[in-house]
PDB file of N, CA and C in Angstrom:
ATOM      1  N   MET A   1     136.061  21.681 317.953  1.00  0.00           N
ATOM      2  CA  MET A   1     134.697  21.225 317.763  1.00  0.00           C
ATOM      3  C   MET A   1     134.676  19.795 317.228  1.00  0.00           C
ATOM      4  N   ASN A   2     135.589  19.535 316.294  1.00  0.00           N
ATOM      5  CA  ASN A   2     135.670  18.205 315.679  1.00  0.00           C
ATOM      6  C   ASN A   2     136.053  17.150 316.713  1.00  0.00           C
ATOM      7  N   THR A   3     136.941  17.497 317.614  1.00  0.00           N
ATOM      8  CA  THR A   3     137.395  16.579 318.658  1.00  0.00           C
ATOM      9  C   THR A   3     136.260  16.262 319.629  1.00  0.00           C
ATOM     10  N   ALA A   4     135.475  17.281 319.947  1.00  0.00           N
ATOM     11  CA  ALA A   4     134.354  17.068 320.873  1.00  0.00           C
ATOM     12  C   ALA A   4     133.334  16.102 320.270  1.00  0.00           C
ATOM     13  N   LEU A   5     133.033  16.264 318.990  1.00  0.00           N
ATOM     14  CA  LEU A   5     132.086  15.361 318.325  1.00  0.00           C
ATOM     15  C   LEU A   5     132.629  13.930 318.275  1.00  0.00           C
ATOM     16  N   THR A   6     133.913  13.796 318.053  1.00  0.00           N
ATOM     17  CA  THR A   6     134.536  12.477 318.017  1.00  0.00           C
ATOM     18  C   THR A   6     134.445  11.812 319.391  1.00  0.00           C
ATOM     19  N   ILE A   7     134.722  12.556 320.436  1.00  0.00           N
ATOM     20  CA  ILE A   7     134.669  12.009 321.798  1.00  0.00           C
ATOM     21  C   ILE A   7     133.241  11.606 322.141  1.00  0.00           C
ATOM     22  N   ILE A   8     132.281  12.449 321.823  1.00  0.00           N
ATOM     23  CA  ILE A   8     130.878  12.132 322.103  1.00  0.00           C
ATOM     24  C   ILE A   8     130.438  10.900 321.311  1.00  0.00           C
ATOM     25  N   GLY A   9     130.821  10.847 320.053  1.00  0.00           N
ATOM     26  CA  GLY A   9     130.472   9.695 319.206  1.00  0.00           C
ATOM     27  C   GLY A   9     131.071   8.397 319.736  1.00  0.00           C
ATOM     28  N   LEU A  10     132.337   8.447 320.136  1.00  0.00           N
ATOM     29  CA  LEU A  10     132.990   7.250 320.674  1.00  0.00           C
ATOM     30  C   LEU A  10     132.369   6.820 321.994  1.00  0.00           C
ATOM     31  N   SER A  11     132.016   7.803 322.861  1.00  0.00           N
ATOM     32  CA  SER A  11     131.401   7.406 324.127  1.00  0.00           C
ATOM     33  C   SER A  11     130.025   6.799 323.907  1.00  0.00           C
ATOM     34  N   MET A  12     129.283   7.276 322.938  1.00  0.00           N
ATOM     35  CA  MET A  12     127.981   6.674 322.627  1.00  0.00           C
ATOM     36  C   MET A  12     128.172   5.259 322.085  1.00  0.00           C
ATOM     37  N   LEU A  13     129.177   5.094 321.247  1.00  0.00           N
ATOM     38  CA  LEU A  13     129.464   3.775 320.696  1.00  0.00           C
ATOM     39  C   LEU A  13     129.867   2.798 321.801  1.00  0.00           C
ATOM     40  N   ILE A  14     130.712   3.240 322.710  1.00  0.00           N
ATOM     41  CA  ILE A  14     131.140   2.393 323.826  1.00  0.00           C
ATOM     42  C   ILE A  14     129.943   2.032 324.696  1.00  0.00           C
ATOM     43  N   PHE A  15     129.072   3.000 324.954  1.00  0.00           N
ATOM     44  CA  PHE A  15     127.868   2.734 325.746  1.00  0.00           C
ATOM     45  C   PHE A  15     127.018   1.657 325.082  1.00  0.00           C
ATOM     46  N   LEU A  16     126.804   1.767 323.774  1.00  0.00           N
ATOM     47  CA  LEU A  16     125.990   0.783 323.062  1.00  0.00           C
ATOM     48  C   LEU A  16     126.616  -0.607 323.091  1.00  0.00           C
ATOM     49  N   VAL A  17     127.919  -0.684 322.932  1.00  0.00           N
ATOM     50  CA  VAL A  17     128.613  -1.977 322.957  1.00  0.00           C
ATOM     51  C   VAL A  17     128.507  -2.602 324.345  1.00  0.00           C
ATOM     52  N   VAL A  18     128.734  -1.819 325.388  1.00  0.00           N
ATOM     53  CA  VAL A  18     128.647  -2.337 326.756  1.00  0.00           C
ATOM     54  C   VAL A  18     127.227  -2.795 327.056  1.00  0.00           C
ATOM     55  N   PHE A  19     126.242  -2.009 326.670  1.00  0.00           N
ATOM     56  CA  PHE A  19     124.835  -2.360 326.888  1.00  0.00           C
ATOM     57  C   PHE A  19     124.497  -3.663 326.172  1.00  0.00           C
ATOM     58  N   TYR A  20     124.941  -3.806 324.911  1.00  0.00           N
ATOM     59  CA  TYR A  20     124.677  -5.022 324.134  1.00  0.00           C
ATOM     60  C   TYR A  20     125.338  -6.239 324.785  1.00  0.00           C
ATOM     61  N   LEU A  21     126.588  -6.105 325.196  1.00  0.00           N
ATOM     62  CA  LEU A  21     127.296  -7.231 325.809  1.00  0.00           C
ATOM     63  C   LEU A  21     126.649  -7.635 327.131  1.00  0.00           C
ATOM     64  N   LYS A  22     126.253  -6.664 327.930  1.00  0.00           N
ATOM     65  CA  LYS A  22     125.601  -6.963 329.203  1.00  0.00           C
ATOM     66  C   LYS A  22     124.296  -7.711 328.973  1.00  0.00           C
ATOM     67  N   ARG A  23     123.535  -7.272 328.015  1.00  0.00           N
ATOM     68  CA  ARG A  23     122.262  -7.923 327.688  1.00  0.00           C
ATOM     69  C   ARG A  23     122.487  -9.344 327.176  1.00  0.00           C
ATOM     70  N   THR A  24     123.491  -9.528 326.348  1.00  0.00           N
ATOM     71  CA  THR A  24     123.808 -10.852 325.816  1.00  0.00           C
ATOM     72  C   THR A  24     124.216 -11.800 326.930  1.00  0.00           C
ATOM     73  N   ILE A  25     125.027 -11.331 327.858  1.00  0.00           N
ATOM     74  CA  ILE A  25     125.475 -12.161 328.976  1.00  0.00           C
ATOM     75  C   ILE A  25     124.288 -12.548 329.844  1.00  0.00           C
ATOM     76  N   GLU A  26     123.373 -11.610 330.093  1.00  0.00           N
ATOM     77  CA  GLU A  26     122.190 -11.913 330.900  1.00  0.00           C
ATOM     78  C   GLU A  26     121.318 -12.971 330.226  1.00  0.00           C
ATOM     79  N   LYS A  27     121.189 -12.879 328.909  1.00  0.00           N
ATOM     80  CA  LYS A  27     120.395 -13.871 328.167  1.00  0.00           C
ATOM     81  C   LYS A  27     121.043 -15.251 328.271  1.00  0.00           C
ATOM     82  N   ARG A  28     122.357 -15.298 328.155  1.00  0.00           N
ATOM     83  CA  ARG A  28     123.062 -16.583 328.255  1.00  0.00           C
ATOM     84  C   ARG A  28     122.886 -17.197 329.630  1.00  0.00           C
ATOM     85  N   LYS A  29     122.970 -16.373 330.672  1.00  0.00           N
ATOM     86  CA  LYS A  29     122.789 -16.872 332.034  1.00  0.00           C
ATOM     87  C   LYS A  29     121.382 -17.409 332.225  1.00  0.00           C
ATOM     88  N   ALA A  30     120.396 -16.682 331.720  1.00  0.00           N
ATOM     89  CA  ALA A  30     119.005 -17.125 331.850  1.00  0.00           C
ATOM     90  C   ALA A  30     118.784 -18.438 331.106  1.00  0.00           C
ATOM     91  N   LYS A  31     119.376 -18.557 329.936  1.00  0.00           N
ATOM     92  CA  LYS A  31     119.242 -19.784 329.147  1.00  0.00           C
ATOM     93  C   LYS A  31     119.909 -20.952 329.870  1.00  0.00           C
ATOM     94  N   LYS A  32     121.060 -20.711 330.460  1.00  0.00           N
ATOM     95  CA  LYS A  32     121.778 -21.759 331.183  1.00  0.00           C
ATOM     96  C   LYS A  32     120.967 -22.225 332.390  1.00  0.00           C
ATOM     97  N   ILE A  33     120.367 -21.283 333.106  1.00  0.00           N
ATOM     98  CA  ILE A  33     119.537 -21.633 334.264  1.00  0.00           C
ATOM     99  C   ILE A  33     118.343 -22.462 333.826  1.00  0.00           C
ATOM    100  N   GLN A  34     117.718 -22.095 332.710  1.00  0.00           N
ATOM    101  CA  GLN A  34     116.575 -22.851 332.200  1.00  0.00           C
ATOM    102  C   GLN A  34     116.987 -24.274 331.827  1.00  0.00           C
ATOM    103  N   GLU A  35     118.153 -24.421 331.200  1.00  0.00           N
ATOM    104  CA  GLU A  35     118.637 -25.753 330.838  1.00  0.00           C
ATOM    105  C   GLU A  35     118.912 -26.594 332.083  1.00  0.00           C
ATOM    106  N   GLN A  36     119.496 -25.990 333.113  1.00  0.00           N
ATOM    107  CA  GLN A  36     119.761 -26.717 334.350  1.00  0.00           C
ATOM    108  C   GLN A  36     118.461 -27.143 335.013  1.00  0.00           C
ATOM    109  N   LEU A  37     117.464 -26.277 334.991  1.00  0.00           N
ATOM    110  CA  LEU A  37     116.168 -26.603 335.570  1.00  0.00           C
ATOM    111  C   LEU A  37     115.513 -27.750 334.815  1.00  0.00           C
ATOM    112  N   LYS A  38     115.616 -27.708 333.487  1.00  0.00           N
ATOM    113  CA  LYS A  38     115.050 -28.768 332.656  1.00  0.00           C
ATOM    114  C   LYS A  38     115.744 -30.098 332.954  1.00  0.00           C
ATOM    115  N   GLU A  39     117.063 -30.077 333.064  1.00  0.00           N
ATOM    116  CA  GLU A  39     117.833 -31.286 333.373  1.00  0.00           C
ATOM    117  C   GLU A  39     117.477 -31.798 334.759  1.00  0.00           C
ATOM    118  N   SER A  40     117.301 -30.888 335.695  1.00  0.00           N
ATOM    119  CA  SER A  40     116.934 -31.258 337.061  1.00  0.00           C
ATOM    120  C   SER A  40     115.594 -31.985 337.069  1.00  0.00           C
ATOM    121  N   ARG A  41     114.637 -31.473 336.322  1.00  0.00           N
ATOM    122  CA  ARG A  41     113.335 -32.129 336.235  1.00  0.00           C
ATOM    123  C   ARG A  41     113.471 -33.517 335.637  1.00  0.00           C
ATOM    124  N   HIS A  42     114.329 -33.626 334.614  1.00  0.00           N
ATOM    125  CA  HIS A  42     114.537 -34.914 333.953  1.00  0.00           C
ATOM    126  C   HIS A  42     115.140 -35.922 334.922  1.00  0.00           C
ATOM    127  N   VAL A  43     116.106 -35.494 335.702  1.00  0.00           N
ATOM    128  CA  VAL A  43     116.746 -36.363 336.681  1.00  0.00           C
ATOM    129  C   VAL A  43     115.729 -36.783 337.745  1.00  0.00           C
ATOM    130  N   THR A  44     114.874 -35.873 338.151  1.00  0.00           N
ATOM    131  CA  THR A  44     113.856 -36.177 339.145  1.00  0.00           C
ATOM    132  C   THR A  44     112.916 -37.255 338.625  1.00  0.00           C
ATOM    133  N   GLU A  45     112.517 -37.137 337.372  1.00  0.00           N
ATOM    134  CA  GLU A  45     111.647 -38.150 336.771  1.00  0.00           C
ATOM    135  C   GLU A  45     112.362 -39.503 336.720  1.00  0.00           C
ATOM    136  N   ARG A  46     113.640 -39.496 336.394  1.00  0.00           N
ATOM    137  CA  ARG A  46     114.412 -40.744 336.378  1.00  0.00           C
ATOM    138  C   ARG A  46     114.426 -41.389 337.759  1.00  0.00           C
ATOM    139  N   GLU A  47     114.612 -40.563 338.782  1.00  0.00           N
ATOM    140  CA  GLU A  47     114.633 -41.083 340.156  1.00  0.00           C
ATOM    141  C   GLU A  47     113.283 -41.702 340.520  1.00  0.00           C
ATOM    142  N   LYS A  48     112.195 -41.048 340.139  1.00  0.00           N
ATOM    143  CA  LYS A  48     110.868 -41.586 340.422  1.00  0.00           C
ATOM    144  C   LYS A  48     110.679 -42.943 339.742  1.00  0.00           C
ATOM    145  N   ILE A  49     111.116 -43.029 338.502  1.00  0.00           N
ATOM    146  CA  ILE A  49     110.998 -44.291 337.760  1.00  0.00           C
ATOM    147  C   ILE A  49     111.847 -45.366 338.423  1.00  0.00           C
ATOM    148  N   ARG A  50     113.079 -45.004 338.814  1.00  0.00           N
ATOM    149  CA  ARG A  50     113.962 -45.981 339.444  1.00  0.00           C
ATOM    150  C   ARG A  50     113.361 -46.494 340.753  1.00  0.00           C
ATOM    151  N   VAL A  51     112.829 -45.603 341.557  1.00  0.00           N
ATOM    152  CA  VAL A  51     112.221 -46.005 342.824  1.00  0.00           C
ATOM    153  C   VAL A  51     111.029 -46.919 342.566  1.00  0.00           C
ATOM    154  N   TYR A  52     110.210 -46.581 341.589  1.00  0.00           N
ATOM    155  CA  TYR A  52     109.047 -47.397 341.247  1.00  0.00           C
ATOM    156  C   TYR A  52     109.473 -48.799 340.796  1.00  0.00           C
ATOM    157  N   LEU A  53     110.492 -48.858 339.948  1.00  0.00           N
ATOM    158  CA  LEU A  53     110.983 -50.158 339.472  1.00  0.00           C
ATOM    159  C   LEU A  53     111.582 -50.972 340.613  1.00  0.00           C
ATOM    160  N   ASP A  54     112.301 -50.325 341.509  1.00  0.00           N
ATOM    161  CA  ASP A  54     112.848 -51.029 342.673  1.00  0.00           C
ATOM    162  C   ASP A  54     111.731 -51.611 343.532  1.00  0.00           C
ATOM    163  N   LYS A  55     110.670 -50.852 343.692  1.00  0.00           N
ATOM    164  CA  LYS A  55     109.522 -51.312 344.481  1.00  0.00           C
ATOM    165  C   LYS A  55     108.900 -52.551 343.835  1.00  0.00           C
ATOM    166  N   ILE A  56     108.715 -52.497 342.518  1.00  0.00           N
ATOM    167  CA  ILE A  56     108.153 -53.651 341.806  1.00  0.00           C
ATOM    168  C   ILE A  56     109.077 -54.857 341.924  1.00  0.00           C
ATOM    169  N   ASN A  57     110.379 -54.644 341.789  1.00  0.00           N
ATOM    170  CA  ASN A  57     111.339 -55.745 341.912  1.00  0.00           C
ATOM    171  C   ASN A  57     111.283 -56.374 343.302  1.00  0.00           C
ATOM    172  N   ASP A  58     111.213 -55.524 344.320  1.00  0.00           N
ATOM    173  CA  ASP A  58     111.149 -56.046 345.696  1.00  0.00           C
ATOM    174  C   ASP A  58     109.866 -56.862 345.909  1.00  0.00           C
ATOM    175  N   GLU A  59     108.753 -56.357 345.388  1.00  0.00           N
ATOM    176  CA  GLU A  59     107.493 -57.094 345.527  1.00  0.00           C
ATOM    177  C   GLU A  59     107.555 -58.451 344.807  1.00  0.00           C
ATOM    178  N   THR A  60     108.157 -58.448 343.625  1.00  0.00           N
ATOM    179  CA  THR A  60     108.274 -59.696 342.850  1.00  0.00           C
ATOM    180  C   THR A  60     109.181 -60.676 343.558  1.00  0.00           C
ATOM    181  N   ARG A  61     110.282 -60.212 344.114  1.00  0.00           N
ATOM    182  CA  ARG A  61     111.184 -61.100 344.838  1.00  0.00           C
ATOM    183  C   ARG A  61     110.491 -61.681 346.080  1.00  0.00           C
ATOM    184  N   ALA A  62     109.701 -60.857 346.744  1.00  0.00           N
ATOM    185  CA  ALA A  62     108.991 -61.312 347.949  1.00  0.00           C
ATOM    186  C   ALA A  62     107.977 -62.400 347.594  1.00  0.00           C
ATOM    187  N   LYS A  63     107.351 -62.307 346.451  1.00  0.00           N
ATOM    188  CA  LYS A  63     106.353 -63.291 346.024  1.00  0.00           C
ATOM    189  C   LYS A  63     107.017 -64.637 345.717  1.00  0.00           C
ATOM    190  N   HIS A  64     108.191 -64.629 345.155  1.00  0.00           N
ATOM    191  CA  HIS A  64     108.868 -65.860 344.719  1.00  0.00           C
ATOM    192  C   HIS A  64     109.775 -66.478 345.766  1.00  0.00           C
ATOM    193  N   LYS A  65     109.775 -65.968 346.984  1.00  0.00           N
ATOM    194  CA  LYS A  65     110.602 -66.557 348.042  1.00  0.00           C
ATOM    195  C   LYS A  65     109.899 -67.713 348.679  1.00  0.00           C
TER     196      LYS A  65
END
């Protein structure tokens, strides 16, 4: 009887540990995806600014030729 309770207790403990680790890994993946998306947006804004500045530079050069 004692052995059966020990086995059941250990299997419940293993289940809880596996469930916790799986949940933690999923949270980390979601956080990483959010950070990549945020960085992607930032890079996109940089590109828009760069294109705008290039356009202004080209217009200014055209005026002074």
